[in-house]
Structures are given as structure tokens and as C-alpha cells.
Amino acid sequence: MNLFLILSFLFFIGAVSGWGIELLFRRFLSSANPERKWINPGFCTGPYLPLYGFGLCFLYLIASLESLPFMEVLRYPKVMLFVIMAITMTVLEYIAGIFLLKVAHLRLWDYSREWGNINGLICPKFSLIWASLGAAYYFLVHPKILDTLRWFSENLAFSFVIGLFFGVFLIDLSHSLEIAGKLKKFAAENHVVVRYEHLKLQIRKAYEEKKQKYPFFAPFRSDRPLSDHLKEMRQTLEQRIKTKRS
């Protein structure tokens, strides 16, 4: 099976699995969600996170380095693989975060309260988590992945699912970029950075106050203009800052 098809399968598996991980993390562990609400994580509205999709592709490529001759001369080759995985995932996370922050004025995650953080986008704690996930991938997933991918390649029905996934993903991405354009315009006009999770919670709160069902997979849908929710979010954040200073 060619490399492109392998990476396509891995992107699909990683993006969907990563969405599940982040969904549970935000529900039960995230400090940004003290009310423990279910939050649809990530930039897109569907159940997938592209960052994890790219991440799993990189983990596969890095784990494949083990068969190269230069790895045999290292004293602890597996440890080196895990270090490379952690560095790669940290750099990937930083590039994605800094692009959204500087270009689109959006912040999808915030590590500002974590020790040793850089721009609130990466920190040693989460680099260690990436290393742990890399080790889990190496021992639990990578040994079986080639046989699994071979089965997928021989199953035309699953290949159709992958094609359907990328079709839906591209449509979703186009829609999400349109929303991001509106948020960027508001951020530029008001000299602020829009926090995705705070905005989603703000809209969800409006639904709950009206005792209406919140559309989980359409977190920005509302009967009010998006700009109204953004202004409310800004006022809430400004009020919190004043409270902390006083």
C-alpha cells in the first residue's frame, strides 16, 4: 500500500480519536471549563481534530525510523524516538497555535497558567504528555498498524468511508474558515484575541437561559448575531480582569 494511502488512513483515525480525547479532557479535566459542560473541541464543527490527524501521521513516520541503520548505533534508541516524537508534536502544536493567534487572532487552547509555557501555546507538561502518547502509540498501536492498514486497503467499503470523511471534512473546513473570518474581523476591529472555548460557552449559556436545546455540532449557531455574543464575551473577560485587579 502506498504511503499516501497509509497517511490518509492515519489522518482519519488520528483526527477522530483525538477529537474523542479532547472531548473527554475538556469535560472532566480542563480548567477552562469549571462548570464541566460538554464542549465540541477544536476549530471544525465535526467530530475530528486535524492537529491529531497530522500528529498520528508524524508518529507513524518517526516510529518507522527505528529500522534505519543510524538508530542501531544509539545506546537508547527507543528513548530517542520518544524524545523526537515529543519535540515534533510540541513544534506542530506551536506552529498551529501561533498561526491561529497571529494570523486569525484566535486562541483554541491556553496554557498560560502552566509552568514554562511559551505564548500560552506549549509547555513542558504537555510536551511530557505528548511523549507519553508517543510511547503508547509505539508499544500499543504501531506493531499492529501495518496489518490493520493492509486490511483497510483490501476493504473497499472502508476506503469509501475514508473518501466520504475527507469530502465532509473539506466542506466543514470551508464553513469553519468562514466563521473564523468573521471572528478575525471582530478581533481586528476591537484589538482582542477571540477565545474559541469561551465563545462556545457564551453561546451555550444563552441557549440554557432560554431553556433551549444547544446544537452541539453547530456551536456558533444562534438566533442572535455572532457579534453580540463576542461583545458579551469581551465584557465578561473585562469584568473578570477588573475583579482580579481590585
C-alpha atoms as a PDB file:
ATOM      1  CA  MET A   1       0.000   0.000   0.000  1.00  0.00           C
ATOM      2  CA  ASN A   2       1.480   3.377  -0.982  1.00  0.00           C
ATOM      3  CA  LEU A   3       2.499   5.951   1.614  1.00  0.00           C
ATOM      4  CA  PHE A   4      -0.220   8.434   0.638  1.00  0.00           C
ATOM      5  CA  LEU A   5      -2.980   5.895   1.336  1.00  0.00           C
ATOM      6  CA  ILE A   6      -1.381   4.919   4.647  1.00  0.00           C
ATOM      7  CA  LEU A   7      -1.183   8.560   5.760  1.00  0.00           C
ATOM      8  CA  SER A   8      -4.787   9.145   4.648  1.00  0.00           C
ATOM      9  CA  PHE A   9      -5.964   6.283   6.876  1.00  0.00           C
ATOM     10  CA  LEU A  10      -3.831   7.521   9.767  1.00  0.00           C
ATOM     11  CA  PHE A  11      -5.088  11.091   9.434  1.00  0.00           C
ATOM     12  CA  PHE A  12      -8.670   9.845   9.616  1.00  0.00           C
ATOM     13  CA  ILE A  13      -8.007   7.632  12.654  1.00  0.00           C
ATOM     14  CA  GLY A  14      -5.942  10.287  14.454  1.00  0.00           C
ATOM     15  CA  ALA A  15      -8.353  13.151  13.799  1.00  0.00           C
ATOM     16  CA  VAL A  16     -11.404  11.230  15.050  1.00  0.00           C
ATOM     17  CA  SER A  17      -9.604   9.635  18.031  1.00  0.00           C
ATOM     18  CA  GLY A  18      -8.064  12.986  19.007  1.00  0.00           C
ATOM     19  CA  TRP A  19     -11.492  14.587  18.997  1.00  0.00           C
ATOM     20  CA  GLY A  20     -12.679  11.946  21.450  1.00  0.00           C
ATOM     21  CA  ILE A  21      -9.654  12.515  23.717  1.00  0.00           C
ATOM     22  CA  GLU A  22     -10.125  16.302  23.729  1.00  0.00           C
ATOM     23  CA  LEU A  23     -13.869  15.971  24.287  1.00  0.00           C
ATOM     24  CA  LEU A  24     -13.286  13.957  27.473  1.00  0.00           C
ATOM     25  CA  PHE A  25     -10.378  16.170  28.591  1.00  0.00           C
ATOM     26  CA  ARG A  26     -12.439  19.346  28.308  1.00  0.00           C
ATOM     27  CA  ARG A  27     -15.410  17.738  30.038  1.00  0.00           C
ATOM     28  CA  PHE A  28     -13.591  16.304  33.063  1.00  0.00           C
ATOM     29  CA  LEU A  29     -10.123  17.895  33.395  1.00  0.00           C
ATOM     30  CA  SER A  30      -9.863  21.286  31.663  1.00  0.00           C
ATOM     31  CA  SER A  31      -9.549  24.296  33.989  1.00  0.00           C
ATOM     32  CA  ALA A  32     -11.114  26.430  31.233  1.00  0.00           C
ATOM     33  CA  ASN A  33     -14.394  24.591  31.786  1.00  0.00           C
ATOM     34  CA  PRO A  34     -15.088  24.833  35.542  1.00  0.00           C
ATOM     35  CA  GLU A  35     -18.801  24.120  35.043  1.00  0.00           C
ATOM     36  CA  ARG A  36     -17.924  20.779  33.396  1.00  0.00           C
ATOM     37  CA  LYS A  37     -20.046  21.281  30.300  1.00  0.00           C
ATOM     38  CA  TRP A  38     -19.717  19.150  27.181  1.00  0.00           C
ATOM     39  CA  ILE A  39     -17.806  21.267  24.651  1.00  0.00           C
ATOM     40  CA  ASN A  40     -17.270  20.441  20.999  1.00  0.00           C
ATOM     41  CA  PRO A  41     -13.468  20.853  20.830  1.00  0.00           C
ATOM     42  CA  GLY A  42     -11.351  22.224  18.033  1.00  0.00           C
ATOM     43  CA  PHE A  43     -11.552  24.521  15.041  1.00  0.00           C
ATOM     44  CA  CYS A  44     -14.028  22.484  12.951  1.00  0.00           C
ATOM     45  CA  THR A  45     -17.575  21.587  13.925  1.00  0.00           C
ATOM     46  CA  GLY A  46     -17.438  17.867  13.066  1.00  0.00           C
ATOM     47  CA  PRO A  47     -16.015  15.079  15.290  1.00  0.00           C
ATOM     48  CA  TYR A  48     -12.391  15.397  14.199  1.00  0.00           C
ATOM     49  CA  LEU A  49      -9.297  17.423  15.059  1.00  0.00           C
ATOM     50  CA  PRO A  50      -6.821  17.909  12.176  1.00  0.00           C
ATOM     51  CA  LEU A  51      -3.930  18.507  14.604  1.00  0.00           C
ATOM     52  CA  TYR A  52      -4.224  14.947  15.926  1.00  0.00           C
ATOM     53  CA  GLY A  53      -4.585  13.620  12.396  1.00  0.00           C
ATOM     54  CA  PHE A  54      -1.294  15.208  11.355  1.00  0.00           C
ATOM     55  CA  GLY A  55       0.193  14.154  14.693  1.00  0.00           C
ATOM     56  CA  LEU A  56      -0.563  10.463  14.156  1.00  0.00           C
ATOM     57  CA  CYS A  57       0.964  10.658  10.674  1.00  0.00           C
ATOM     58  CA  PHE A  58       4.149  12.102  12.166  1.00  0.00           C
ATOM     59  CA  LEU A  59       4.235   9.451  14.909  1.00  0.00           C
ATOM     60  CA  TYR A  60       3.994   6.729  12.274  1.00  0.00           C
ATOM     61  CA  LEU A  61       6.833   8.260  10.225  1.00  0.00           C
ATOM     62  CA  ILE A  62       9.044   8.747  13.303  1.00  0.00           C
ATOM     63  CA  ALA A  63       8.423   5.201  14.580  1.00  0.00           C
ATOM     64  CA  SER A  64       9.448   3.953  11.126  1.00  0.00           C
ATOM     65  CA  LEU A  65      12.906   5.495  11.674  1.00  0.00           C
ATOM     66  CA  GLU A  66      13.708   2.617  14.028  1.00  0.00           C
ATOM     67  CA  SER A  67      14.580   0.392  11.082  1.00  0.00           C
ATOM     68  CA  LEU A  68      17.219   2.814   9.771  1.00  0.00           C
ATOM     69  CA  PRO A  69      20.913   1.904  10.336  1.00  0.00           C
ATOM     70  CA  PHE A  70      21.840   5.046  12.295  1.00  0.00           C
ATOM     71  CA  MET A  71      19.313   4.154  15.035  1.00  0.00           C
ATOM     72  CA  GLU A  72      21.162   0.900  15.777  1.00  0.00           C
ATOM     73  CA  VAL A  73      24.290   2.722  16.991  1.00  0.00           C
ATOM     74  CA  LEU A  74      22.356   4.683  19.624  1.00  0.00           C
ATOM     75  CA  ARG A  75      22.511   3.433  23.196  1.00  0.00           C
ATOM     76  CA  TYR A  76      18.822   4.030  23.909  1.00  0.00           C
ATOM     77  CA  PRO A  77      17.097   4.152  20.503  1.00  0.00           C
ATOM     78  CA  LYS A  78      13.558   3.885  21.860  1.00  0.00           C
ATOM     79  CA  VAL A  79      14.108   6.766  24.280  1.00  0.00           C
ATOM     80  CA  MET A  80      15.443   8.840  21.379  1.00  0.00           C
ATOM     81  CA  LEU A  81      12.320   8.002  19.357  1.00  0.00           C
ATOM     82  CA  PHE A  82      10.070   9.181  22.193  1.00  0.00           C
ATOM     83  CA  VAL A  83      12.077  12.412  22.550  1.00  0.00           C
ATOM     84  CA  ILE A  84      11.790  13.058  18.804  1.00  0.00           C
ATOM     85  CA  MET A  85       8.055  12.360  18.979  1.00  0.00           C
ATOM     86  CA  ALA A  86       7.586  14.797  21.875  1.00  0.00           C
ATOM     87  CA  ILE A  87       9.598  17.530  20.139  1.00  0.00           C
ATOM     88  CA  THR A  88       7.783  17.025  16.836  1.00  0.00           C
ATOM     89  CA  MET A  89       4.320  17.154  18.412  1.00  0.00           C
ATOM     90  CA  THR A  90       5.263  20.198  20.510  1.00  0.00           C
ATOM     91  CA  VAL A  91       6.549  22.044  17.434  1.00  0.00           C
ATOM     92  CA  LEU A  92       3.426  21.063  15.485  1.00  0.00           C
ATOM     93  CA  GLU A  93       1.222  22.327  18.310  1.00  0.00           C
ATOM     94  CA  TYR A  94       3.166  25.601  18.497  1.00  0.00           C
ATOM     95  CA  ILE A  95       3.067  26.229  14.731  1.00  0.00           C
ATOM     96  CA  ALA A  96      -0.697  25.630  14.608  1.00  0.00           C
ATOM     97  CA  GLY A  97      -1.292  27.775  17.697  1.00  0.00           C
ATOM     98  CA  ILE A  98       0.924  30.689  16.650  1.00  0.00           C
ATOM     99  CA  PHE A  99      -0.613  30.710  13.151  1.00  0.00           C
ATOM    100  CA  LEU A 100      -4.139  30.974  14.554  1.00  0.00           C
ATOM    101  CA  LEU A 101      -3.054  33.534  17.138  1.00  0.00           C
ATOM    102  CA  LYS A 102      -1.042  35.860  14.887  1.00  0.00           C
ATOM    103  CA  VAL A 103      -2.934  35.493  11.617  1.00  0.00           C
ATOM    104  CA  ALA A 104      -6.534  34.872  12.686  1.00  0.00           C
ATOM    105  CA  HIS A 105      -6.407  36.374  16.228  1.00  0.00           C
ATOM    106  CA  LEU A 106      -7.904  33.142  17.574  1.00  0.00           C
ATOM    107  CA  ARG A 107      -6.859  31.078  20.581  1.00  0.00           C
ATOM    108  CA  LEU A 108      -8.091  27.470  20.629  1.00  0.00           C
ATOM    109  CA  TRP A 109      -6.174  26.463  23.777  1.00  0.00           C
ATOM    110  CA  ASP A 110      -4.432  28.327  26.569  1.00  0.00           C
ATOM    111  CA  TYR A 111      -1.540  27.033  28.699  1.00  0.00           C
ATOM    112  CA  SER A 112      -0.827  30.455  30.247  1.00  0.00           C
ATOM    113  CA  ARG A 113      -1.230  29.063  33.760  1.00  0.00           C
ATOM    114  CA  GLU A 114       1.206  26.206  33.149  1.00  0.00           C
ATOM    115  CA  TRP A 115       4.851  26.428  34.228  1.00  0.00           C
ATOM    116  CA  GLY A 116       7.368  27.163  31.473  1.00  0.00           C
ATOM    117  CA  ASN A 117       4.754  27.946  28.849  1.00  0.00           C
ATOM    118  CA  ILE A 118       5.594  29.844  25.659  1.00  0.00           C
ATOM    119  CA  ASN A 119       2.864  32.236  24.487  1.00  0.00           C
ATOM    120  CA  GLY A 120       0.388  30.010  26.319  1.00  0.00           C
ATOM    121  CA  LEU A 121       0.628  27.577  23.388  1.00  0.00           C
ATOM    122  CA  ILE A 122       3.138  24.961  24.565  1.00  0.00           C
ATOM    123  CA  CYS A 123       4.600  23.959  27.914  1.00  0.00           C
ATOM    124  CA  PRO A 124       6.771  21.184  29.435  1.00  0.00           C
ATOM    125  CA  LYS A 125       3.758  19.480  30.998  1.00  0.00           C
ATOM    126  CA  PHE A 126       2.042  18.879  27.673  1.00  0.00           C
ATOM    127  CA  SER A 127       5.316  18.014  25.947  1.00  0.00           C
ATOM    128  CA  LEU A 128       5.636  15.221  28.518  1.00  0.00           C
ATOM    129  CA  ILE A 129       2.070  14.172  27.730  1.00  0.00           C
ATOM    130  CA  TRP A 130       2.974  14.062  24.025  1.00  0.00           C
ATOM    131  CA  ALA A 131       5.980  11.855  24.868  1.00  0.00           C
ATOM    132  CA  SER A 132       3.694   9.515  26.836  1.00  0.00           C
ATOM    133  CA  LEU A 133       1.207   9.363  23.973  1.00  0.00           C
ATOM    134  CA  GLY A 134       4.105   8.660  21.600  1.00  0.00           C
ATOM    135  CA  ALA A 135       5.254   5.767  23.788  1.00  0.00           C
ATOM    136  CA  ALA A 136       1.681   4.419  23.970  1.00  0.00           C
ATOM    137  CA  TYR A 137       1.444   4.617  20.194  1.00  0.00           C
ATOM    138  CA  TYR A 138       4.788   2.853  19.734  1.00  0.00           C
ATOM    139  CA  PHE A 139       4.005  -0.084  22.030  1.00  0.00           C
ATOM    140  CA  LEU A 140       0.249  -0.474  21.555  1.00  0.00           C
ATOM    141  CA  VAL A 141      -0.563   0.722  18.048  1.00  0.00           C
ATOM    142  CA  HIS A 142       2.457   0.707  15.752  1.00  0.00           C
ATOM    143  CA  PRO A 143       3.180  -3.068  15.903  1.00  0.00           C
ATOM    144  CA  LYS A 144      -0.336  -3.795  14.644  1.00  0.00           C
ATOM    145  CA  ILE A 145      -0.857  -0.860  12.351  1.00  0.00           C
ATOM    146  CA  LEU A 146       0.544  -2.335   9.132  1.00  0.00           C
ATOM    147  CA  ASP A 147      -1.725  -5.396   9.289  1.00  0.00           C
ATOM    148  CA  THR A 148      -4.686  -3.161  10.117  1.00  0.00           C
ATOM    149  CA  LEU A 149      -3.907  -0.784   7.272  1.00  0.00           C
ATOM    150  CA  ARG A 150      -3.483  -3.709   4.884  1.00  0.00           C
ATOM    151  CA  TRP A 151      -6.960  -4.935   5.854  1.00  0.00           C
ATOM    152  CA  PHE A 152      -8.377  -1.453   5.321  1.00  0.00           C
ATOM    153  CA  SER A 153      -6.778  -1.237   1.880  1.00  0.00           C
ATOM    154  CA  GLU A 154      -8.408  -4.525   0.854  1.00  0.00           C
ATOM    155  CA  ASN A 155     -11.816  -3.472   2.179  1.00  0.00           C
ATOM    156  CA  LEU A 156     -13.389  -1.224  -0.446  1.00  0.00           C
ATOM    157  CA  ALA A 157     -16.263  -0.265   1.853  1.00  0.00           C
ATOM    158  CA  PHE A 158     -13.870   1.276   4.369  1.00  0.00           C
ATOM    159  CA  SER A 159     -11.989   3.057   1.578  1.00  0.00           C
ATOM    160  CA  PHE A 160     -15.324   4.628   0.643  1.00  0.00           C
ATOM    161  CA  VAL A 161     -15.743   5.768   4.266  1.00  0.00           C
ATOM    162  CA  ILE A 162     -12.318   7.426   4.133  1.00  0.00           C
ATOM    163  CA  GLY A 163     -13.229   9.216   0.914  1.00  0.00           C
ATOM    164  CA  LEU A 164     -16.538  10.334   2.413  1.00  0.00           C
ATOM    165  CA  PHE A 165     -14.718  11.560   5.530  1.00  0.00           C
ATOM    166  CA  PHE A 166     -12.372  13.781   3.525  1.00  0.00           C
ATOM    167  CA  GLY A 167     -15.290  15.128   1.481  1.00  0.00           C
ATOM    168  CA  VAL A 168     -17.216  16.097   4.626  1.00  0.00           C
ATOM    169  CA  PHE A 169     -14.029  17.374   6.263  1.00  0.00           C
ATOM    170  CA  LEU A 170     -13.249  19.762   3.384  1.00  0.00           C
ATOM    171  CA  ILE A 171     -16.806  21.142   3.399  1.00  0.00           C
ATOM    172  CA  ASP A 172     -16.631  21.564   7.184  1.00  0.00           C
ATOM    173  CA  LEU A 173     -13.226  23.239   6.905  1.00  0.00           C
ATOM    174  CA  SER A 174     -14.593  25.727   4.375  1.00  0.00           C
ATOM    175  CA  HIS A 175     -17.502  26.555   6.704  1.00  0.00           C
ATOM    176  CA  SER A 176     -15.168  26.880   9.711  1.00  0.00           C
ATOM    177  CA  LEU A 177     -12.857  29.223   7.795  1.00  0.00           C
ATOM    178  CA  GLU A 178     -15.857  31.413   7.001  1.00  0.00           C
ATOM    179  CA  ILE A 179     -16.678  31.651  10.722  1.00  0.00           C
ATOM    180  CA  ALA A 180     -13.006  32.286  11.518  1.00  0.00           C
ATOM    181  CA  GLY A 181     -13.053  35.179   9.025  1.00  0.00           C
ATOM    182  CA  LYS A 182     -15.915  36.820  10.933  1.00  0.00           C
ATOM    183  CA  LEU A 183     -14.162  36.300  14.257  1.00  0.00           C
ATOM    184  CA  LYS A 184     -10.910  37.689  12.847  1.00  0.00           C
ATOM    185  CA  LYS A 185     -12.718  40.814  11.645  1.00  0.00           C
ATOM    186  CA  PHE A 186     -14.217  41.378  15.103  1.00  0.00           C
ATOM    187  CA  ALA A 187     -10.851  40.747  16.778  1.00  0.00           C
ATOM    188  CA  ALA A 188      -9.066  43.217  14.496  1.00  0.00           C
ATOM    189  CA  GLU A 189     -11.693  45.920  14.995  1.00  0.00           C
ATOM    190  CA  ASN A 190     -11.696  45.534  18.781  1.00  0.00           C
ATOM    191  CA  HIS A 191      -7.989  44.702  19.266  1.00  0.00           C
ATOM    192  CA  VAL A 192      -8.710  41.453  21.089  1.00  0.00           C
ATOM    193  CA  VAL A 193      -7.956  37.747  20.755  1.00  0.00           C
ATOM    194  CA  VAL A 194     -11.053  35.567  20.433  1.00  0.00           C
ATOM    195  CA  ARG A 195     -11.015  32.508  22.686  1.00  0.00           C
ATOM    196  CA  TYR A 196     -12.901  29.720  20.963  1.00  0.00           C
ATOM    197  CA  GLU A 197     -13.939  27.796  24.080  1.00  0.00           C
ATOM    198  CA  HIS A 198     -15.123  30.913  25.913  1.00  0.00           C
ATOM    199  CA  LEU A 199     -17.231  31.915  22.920  1.00  0.00           C
ATOM    200  CA  LYS A 200     -18.780  28.448  22.657  1.00  0.00           C
ATOM    201  CA  LEU A 201     -19.616  28.521  26.364  1.00  0.00           C
ATOM    202  CA  GLN A 202     -21.079  32.025  25.991  1.00  0.00           C
ATOM    203  CA  ILE A 203     -23.442  30.859  23.231  1.00  0.00           C
ATOM    204  CA  ARG A 204     -24.320  27.704  25.157  1.00  0.00           C
ATOM    205  CA  LYS A 205     -25.175  29.804  28.211  1.00  0.00           C
ATOM    206  CA  ALA A 206     -27.561  31.889  26.094  1.00  0.00           C
ATOM    207  CA  TYR A 207     -29.347  28.712  24.994  1.00  0.00           C
ATOM    208  CA  GLU A 208     -29.610  27.446  28.572  1.00  0.00           C
ATOM    209  CA  GLU A 209     -31.023  30.747  29.801  1.00  0.00           C
ATOM    210  CA  LYS A 210     -33.800  30.426  27.231  1.00  0.00           C
ATOM    211  CA  LYS A 211     -34.170  26.721  28.112  1.00  0.00           C
ATOM    212  CA  GLN A 212     -33.496  25.754  24.510  1.00  0.00           C
ATOM    213  CA  LYS A 213     -31.592  22.732  23.250  1.00  0.00           C
ATOM    214  CA  TYR A 214     -27.984  23.606  22.441  1.00  0.00           C
ATOM    215  CA  PRO A 215     -26.795  22.394  18.975  1.00  0.00           C
ATOM    216  CA  PHE A 216     -23.608  20.562  19.998  1.00  0.00           C
ATOM    217  CA  PHE A 217     -22.297  20.134  16.441  1.00  0.00           C
ATOM    218  CA  ALA A 218     -23.158  23.719  15.494  1.00  0.00           C
ATOM    219  CA  PRO A 219     -21.644  25.594  18.453  1.00  0.00           C
ATOM    220  CA  PHE A 220     -21.794  29.018  16.775  1.00  0.00           C
ATOM    221  CA  ARG A 221     -25.411  28.782  15.619  1.00  0.00           C
ATOM    222  CA  SER A 222     -27.641  31.316  17.319  1.00  0.00           C
ATOM    223  CA  ASP A 223     -30.759  33.386  16.757  1.00  0.00           C
ATOM    224  CA  ARG A 224     -28.652  36.434  17.551  1.00  0.00           C
ATOM    225  CA  PRO A 225     -25.745  37.902  15.549  1.00  0.00           C
ATOM    226  CA  LEU A 226     -22.390  36.362  16.381  1.00  0.00           C
ATOM    227  CA  SER A 227     -21.050  39.853  17.100  1.00  0.00           C
ATOM    228  CA  ASP A 228     -23.466  40.175  20.050  1.00  0.00           C
ATOM    229  CA  HIS A 229     -22.019  37.065  21.685  1.00  0.00           C
ATOM    230  CA  LEU A 230     -18.496  38.322  21.022  1.00  0.00           C
ATOM    231  CA  LYS A 231     -19.263  41.639  22.716  1.00  0.00           C
ATOM    232  CA  GLU A 232     -20.739  39.825  25.714  1.00  0.00           C
ATOM    233  CA  MET A 233     -17.681  37.602  25.911  1.00  0.00           C
ATOM    234  CA  ARG A 234     -15.420  40.640  25.838  1.00  0.00           C
ATOM    235  CA  GLN A 235     -17.416  42.359  28.584  1.00  0.00           C
ATOM    236  CA  THR A 236     -17.270  39.213  30.721  1.00  0.00           C
ATOM    237  CA  LEU A 237     -13.491  38.949  30.339  1.00  0.00           C
ATOM    238  CA  GLU A 238     -13.018  42.667  31.077  1.00  0.00           C
ATOM    239  CA  GLN A 239     -15.153  42.319  34.204  1.00  0.00           C
ATOM    240  CA  ARG A 240     -13.027  39.369  35.378  1.00  0.00           C
ATOM    241  CA  ILE A 241      -9.848  41.398  34.844  1.00  0.00           C
ATOM    242  CA  LYS A 242     -11.257  44.327  36.867  1.00  0.00           C
ATOM    243  CA  THR A 243     -12.299  41.945  39.653  1.00  0.00           C
ATOM    244  CA  LYS A 244      -8.797  40.428  39.838  1.00  0.00           C
ATOM    245  CA  ARG A 245      -7.168  43.884  39.971  1.00  0.00           C
ATOM    246  CA  SER A 246      -9.479  45.220  42.681  1.00  0.00           C
END
